[in-house]
Amino acid sequence: MMIDTGAAGLLFESLQADALTSPDQLRELYPQPNQNSLRKETDRLTEETRALIGCSSLVFIGSADAEGRADVTPRGGPAGFVSVLDERTLVIPDATGNKRLDTMHNVLQTGRVGLLFLIPGRPTTLRVNGRACVSARPELLAQLTPVGKPPVTAIVVHAEQVYPHCPKSLMRANAWQPEQWVPADAQPTSAEVTLAQLNLPGLTVDQIEEAERESLRLRYE
């Protein structure tokens, strides 16, 4: 049976009407987790997870503002650009971007983040959740790996939950298997998506593509 979408914009409200509302309702639908999936969560970084972070060139940062509005943003750099200072503390240097500073605004409001580390070519991922702050301390910034130019600030994270995640999602997604990817000509381009988002009269895809090329050329500035 097809879902009745009803009036425009009301689909979420329709689906929310009979959505689950308690952990007990949710657990009734699933078996209990394997004990090892619970035991492998720790509150500190082991030698092995520190080494994994040292191999990672991509981390996704999850955060939320004081009103609970969530955001996830990617941060990339040379392998090991996220510095591990000790078994509870890691630091993510600032890098050039869109200058919206969404993640850092959220950290200033709630003091918390969730991290997901990836290593291109491998299905290994690592989740790190904990307290966070934004630091501009010169002696800290001086010891970080710059992503292009020296960072203006850095996000400091105090690990409370460290969890090596099951690789099934990346394997199901064929994330590192180019032969399984959707062909480029079957996807909207970045410029086409941006054009639709901006919705500015007179703006063309060619203009956006040129701006994107220039932005990528100056990605470290």
Protein backbone atom coordinates (compact mmCIF):
# COMPACT_ATOMS: atom_id res chain seq x y z
CA MET A 1 0.00 0.00 0.00
CA MET A 2 1.33 3.41 -0.98
CA ILE A 3 1.81 6.07 1.71
CA ASP A 4 -0.69 8.88 1.38
CA THR A 5 1.43 12.01 1.25
CA GLY A 6 -1.55 14.31 1.77
CA ALA A 7 -0.96 18.04 1.62
CA ALA A 8 2.51 19.27 0.71
CA GLY A 9 4.83 19.40 3.72
CA LEU A 10 2.63 17.22 5.95
CA LEU A 11 4.16 13.81 5.20
CA PHE A 12 6.44 13.89 8.24
CA GLU A 13 3.55 14.80 10.53
CA SER A 14 1.53 11.93 9.08
CA LEU A 15 4.30 9.40 9.69
CA GLN A 16 5.09 10.81 13.13
CA ALA A 17 1.52 10.20 14.27
CA ASP A 18 2.09 6.46 14.82
CA ALA A 19 5.88 6.50 15.23
CA LEU A 20 7.64 4.73 18.09
CA THR A 21 7.87 6.79 21.26
CA SER A 22 9.87 4.70 23.74
CA PRO A 23 13.01 2.56 23.94
CA ASP A 24 10.83 -0.36 25.07
CA GLN A 25 8.77 -0.20 21.86
CA LEU A 26 11.97 -0.13 19.81
CA ARG A 27 13.57 -3.05 21.63
CA GLU A 28 10.47 -5.19 21.09
CA LEU A 29 11.28 -5.15 17.37
CA TYR A 30 14.93 -6.24 17.69
CA PRO A 31 16.86 -9.01 19.42
CA GLN A 32 19.33 -8.10 22.16
CA PRO A 33 22.78 -7.01 20.94
CA ASN A 34 25.72 -9.39 20.97
CA GLN A 35 27.65 -8.96 24.23
CA ASN A 36 30.90 -8.23 22.40
CA SER A 37 29.25 -5.28 20.64
CA LEU A 38 28.63 -3.82 24.10
CA ARG A 39 31.96 -4.78 25.68
CA LYS A 40 34.11 -3.25 22.93
CA GLU A 41 32.97 0.27 23.85
CA THR A 42 35.55 1.97 26.06
CA ASP A 43 36.08 5.45 27.47
CA ARG A 44 39.63 5.87 26.21
CA LEU A 45 41.83 5.38 23.17
CA THR A 46 43.90 2.21 23.05
CA GLU A 47 47.21 1.96 21.24
CA GLU A 48 45.35 0.35 18.32
CA THR A 49 42.61 2.99 18.04
CA ARG A 50 45.21 5.73 18.30
CA ALA A 51 47.05 4.11 15.40
CA LEU A 52 43.80 3.90 13.43
CA ILE A 53 43.19 7.62 13.89
CA GLY A 54 46.75 8.18 12.71
CA CYS A 55 45.86 6.41 9.45
CA SER A 56 42.59 8.28 8.91
CA SER A 57 42.36 11.13 6.41
CA LEU A 58 38.61 11.70 6.80
CA VAL A 59 36.44 12.29 9.84
CA PHE A 60 32.76 13.18 10.04
CA ILE A 61 31.81 15.44 12.95
CA GLY A 62 28.30 15.25 14.39
CA SER A 63 27.10 18.09 16.58
CA ALA A 64 23.93 19.88 17.64
CA ASP A 65 23.06 23.37 18.83
CA ALA A 66 21.37 24.27 22.10
CA GLU A 67 17.93 23.68 20.57
CA GLY A 68 18.85 20.20 19.36
CA ARG A 69 19.24 21.00 15.65
CA ALA A 70 21.76 18.47 14.39
CA ASP A 71 24.57 18.78 11.87
CA VAL A 72 27.15 16.41 10.39
CA THR A 73 30.13 17.76 8.49
CA PRO A 74 33.20 16.09 6.92
CA ARG A 75 36.77 17.14 7.70
CA GLY A 76 39.66 15.88 5.61
CA GLY A 77 43.42 16.20 5.51
CA PRO A 78 46.60 14.15 5.30
CA ALA A 79 46.48 10.86 7.18
CA GLY A 80 46.93 11.61 10.86
CA PHE A 81 45.81 15.25 10.62
CA VAL A 82 43.72 14.65 13.74
CA SER A 83 46.23 14.67 16.59
CA VAL A 84 45.92 12.33 19.58
CA LEU A 85 47.45 14.01 22.63
CA ASP A 86 46.76 11.25 25.16
CA GLU A 87 44.37 8.35 25.74
CA ARG A 88 41.41 10.69 26.31
CA THR A 89 42.24 13.77 24.22
CA LEU A 90 42.32 14.39 20.49
CA VAL A 91 42.43 17.60 18.46
CA ILE A 92 40.96 18.45 15.06
CA PRO A 93 42.67 21.44 13.40
CA ASP A 94 40.58 24.06 11.62
CA ALA A 95 40.87 24.13 7.83
CA THR A 96 39.67 26.48 5.13
CA GLY A 97 36.02 26.00 4.20
CA ASN A 98 32.78 27.89 3.70
CA LYS A 99 33.36 29.97 6.87
CA ARG A 100 29.86 29.22 8.20
CA LEU A 101 31.51 27.69 11.30
CA ASP A 102 28.40 25.58 11.99
CA THR A 103 30.24 22.88 13.92
CA MET A 104 32.18 25.28 16.10
CA HIS A 105 29.05 27.30 16.87
CA ASN A 106 27.40 24.06 18.01
CA VAL A 107 30.40 23.11 20.15
CA LEU A 108 30.32 26.53 21.80
CA GLN A 109 26.64 26.00 22.65
CA THR A 110 26.61 22.37 23.82
CA GLY A 111 30.23 21.32 24.37
CA ARG A 112 29.75 17.93 22.72
CA VAL A 113 30.56 16.15 19.44
CA GLY A 114 30.42 12.72 17.85
CA LEU A 115 33.18 11.64 15.47
CA LEU A 116 33.33 8.94 12.80
CA PHE A 117 36.80 8.21 11.44
CA LEU A 118 37.24 6.57 8.02
CA ILE A 119 40.26 5.25 6.14
CA PRO A 120 39.81 5.34 2.34
CA GLY A 121 39.99 1.85 0.87
CA ARG A 122 39.21 0.07 4.14
CA PRO A 123 35.85 -0.78 5.74
CA THR A 124 37.24 0.09 9.19
CA THR A 125 35.50 2.93 11.03
CA LEU A 126 35.86 4.30 14.54
CA ARG A 127 33.31 6.25 16.55
CA VAL A 128 34.46 8.66 19.25
CA ASN A 129 31.92 10.64 21.29
CA GLY A 130 32.61 13.08 24.08
CA ARG A 131 32.98 16.57 25.45
CA ALA A 132 34.45 19.25 23.20
CA CYS A 133 35.70 22.81 23.19
CA VAL A 134 37.18 25.25 20.67
CA SER A 135 40.76 26.33 21.40
CA ALA A 136 42.87 29.13 19.94
CA ARG A 137 45.83 28.52 22.28
CA PRO A 138 48.97 29.26 20.23
CA GLU A 139 51.14 26.50 21.70
CA LEU A 140 48.45 23.91 20.91
CA LEU A 141 47.92 25.11 17.34
CA ALA A 142 51.68 25.12 16.71
CA GLN A 143 51.95 21.37 17.30
CA LEU A 144 49.07 20.38 15.00
CA THR A 145 49.28 19.12 11.42
CA PRO A 146 48.08 22.02 9.26
CA VAL A 147 45.62 21.31 6.46
CA GLY A 148 47.06 23.78 3.99
CA LYS A 149 47.80 26.73 6.23
CA PRO A 150 48.17 26.98 10.02
CA PRO A 151 44.82 26.53 11.81
CA VAL A 152 43.11 29.53 13.39
CA THR A 153 41.41 27.31 15.97
CA ALA A 154 41.04 23.63 16.79
CA ILE A 155 38.30 21.44 18.23
CA VAL A 156 39.54 19.60 21.31
CA VAL A 157 37.66 16.40 22.19
CA HIS A 158 37.69 14.53 25.50
CA ALA A 159 36.76 10.94 24.62
CA GLU A 160 33.95 9.36 26.64
CA GLN A 161 32.89 6.62 24.22
CA VAL A 162 35.29 4.90 21.81
CA TYR A 163 33.76 2.27 19.59
CA PRO A 164 35.19 0.41 16.56
CA HIS A 165 32.17 0.15 14.30
CA CYS A 166 31.00 -2.87 12.31
CA PRO A 167 32.19 -2.61 8.65
CA LYS A 168 28.91 -3.86 7.15
CA SER A 169 27.59 -0.44 6.08
CA LEU A 170 30.62 0.39 3.92
CA MET A 171 30.61 -3.11 2.47
CA ARG A 172 26.90 -2.90 1.62
CA ALA A 173 27.49 0.50 0.05
CA ASN A 174 30.40 -0.78 -2.09
CA ALA A 175 32.04 2.43 -0.92
CA TRP A 176 35.50 1.58 -2.23
CA GLN A 177 34.48 -0.38 -5.34
CA PRO A 178 34.35 2.05 -8.30
CA GLU A 179 32.86 -0.58 -10.60
CA GLN A 180 29.75 -0.58 -8.39
CA TRP A 181 29.32 3.19 -8.24
CA VAL A 182 26.46 5.02 -9.95
CA PRO A 183 27.79 6.41 -13.28
CA ALA A 184 28.61 10.10 -13.21
CA ASP A 185 26.20 10.85 -16.05
CA ALA A 186 23.36 9.33 -14.03
CA GLN A 187 23.87 11.78 -11.14
CA PRO A 188 23.13 15.48 -10.78
CA THR A 189 26.39 17.39 -10.71
CA SER A 190 27.47 19.52 -7.78
CA ALA A 191 26.89 22.61 -9.89
CA GLU A 192 23.36 21.52 -10.81
CA VAL A 193 22.48 20.93 -7.17
CA THR A 194 23.93 24.29 -6.16
CA LEU A 195 22.06 26.10 -8.94
CA ALA A 196 18.76 24.65 -7.73
CA GLN A 197 19.58 25.54 -4.11
CA LEU A 198 20.54 29.14 -4.88
CA ASN A 199 17.62 29.75 -7.26
CA LEU A 200 19.10 33.07 -8.44
CA PRO A 201 17.84 34.60 -11.71
CA GLY A 202 20.51 34.70 -14.42
CA LEU A 203 22.90 32.33 -12.66
CA THR A 204 24.06 29.44 -14.87
CA VAL A 205 25.57 26.01 -14.33
CA ASP A 206 28.68 27.12 -16.24
CA GLN A 207 29.23 30.00 -13.83
CA ILE A 208 28.91 27.73 -10.82
CA GLU A 209 31.25 25.14 -12.34
CA GLU A 210 33.87 27.83 -12.90
CA ALA A 211 33.48 29.03 -9.30
CA GLU A 212 33.84 25.44 -8.07
CA ARG A 213 37.02 24.92 -10.11
CA GLU A 214 38.49 28.09 -8.65
CA SER A 215 37.48 27.10 -5.13
CA LEU A 216 39.08 23.67 -5.48
CA ARG A 217 42.24 25.20 -6.95
CA LEU A 218 42.50 27.31 -3.80
CA ARG A 219 41.33 24.57 -1.43
CA TYR A 220 44.31 25.05 0.90
CA GLU A 221 44.05 28.85 1.04
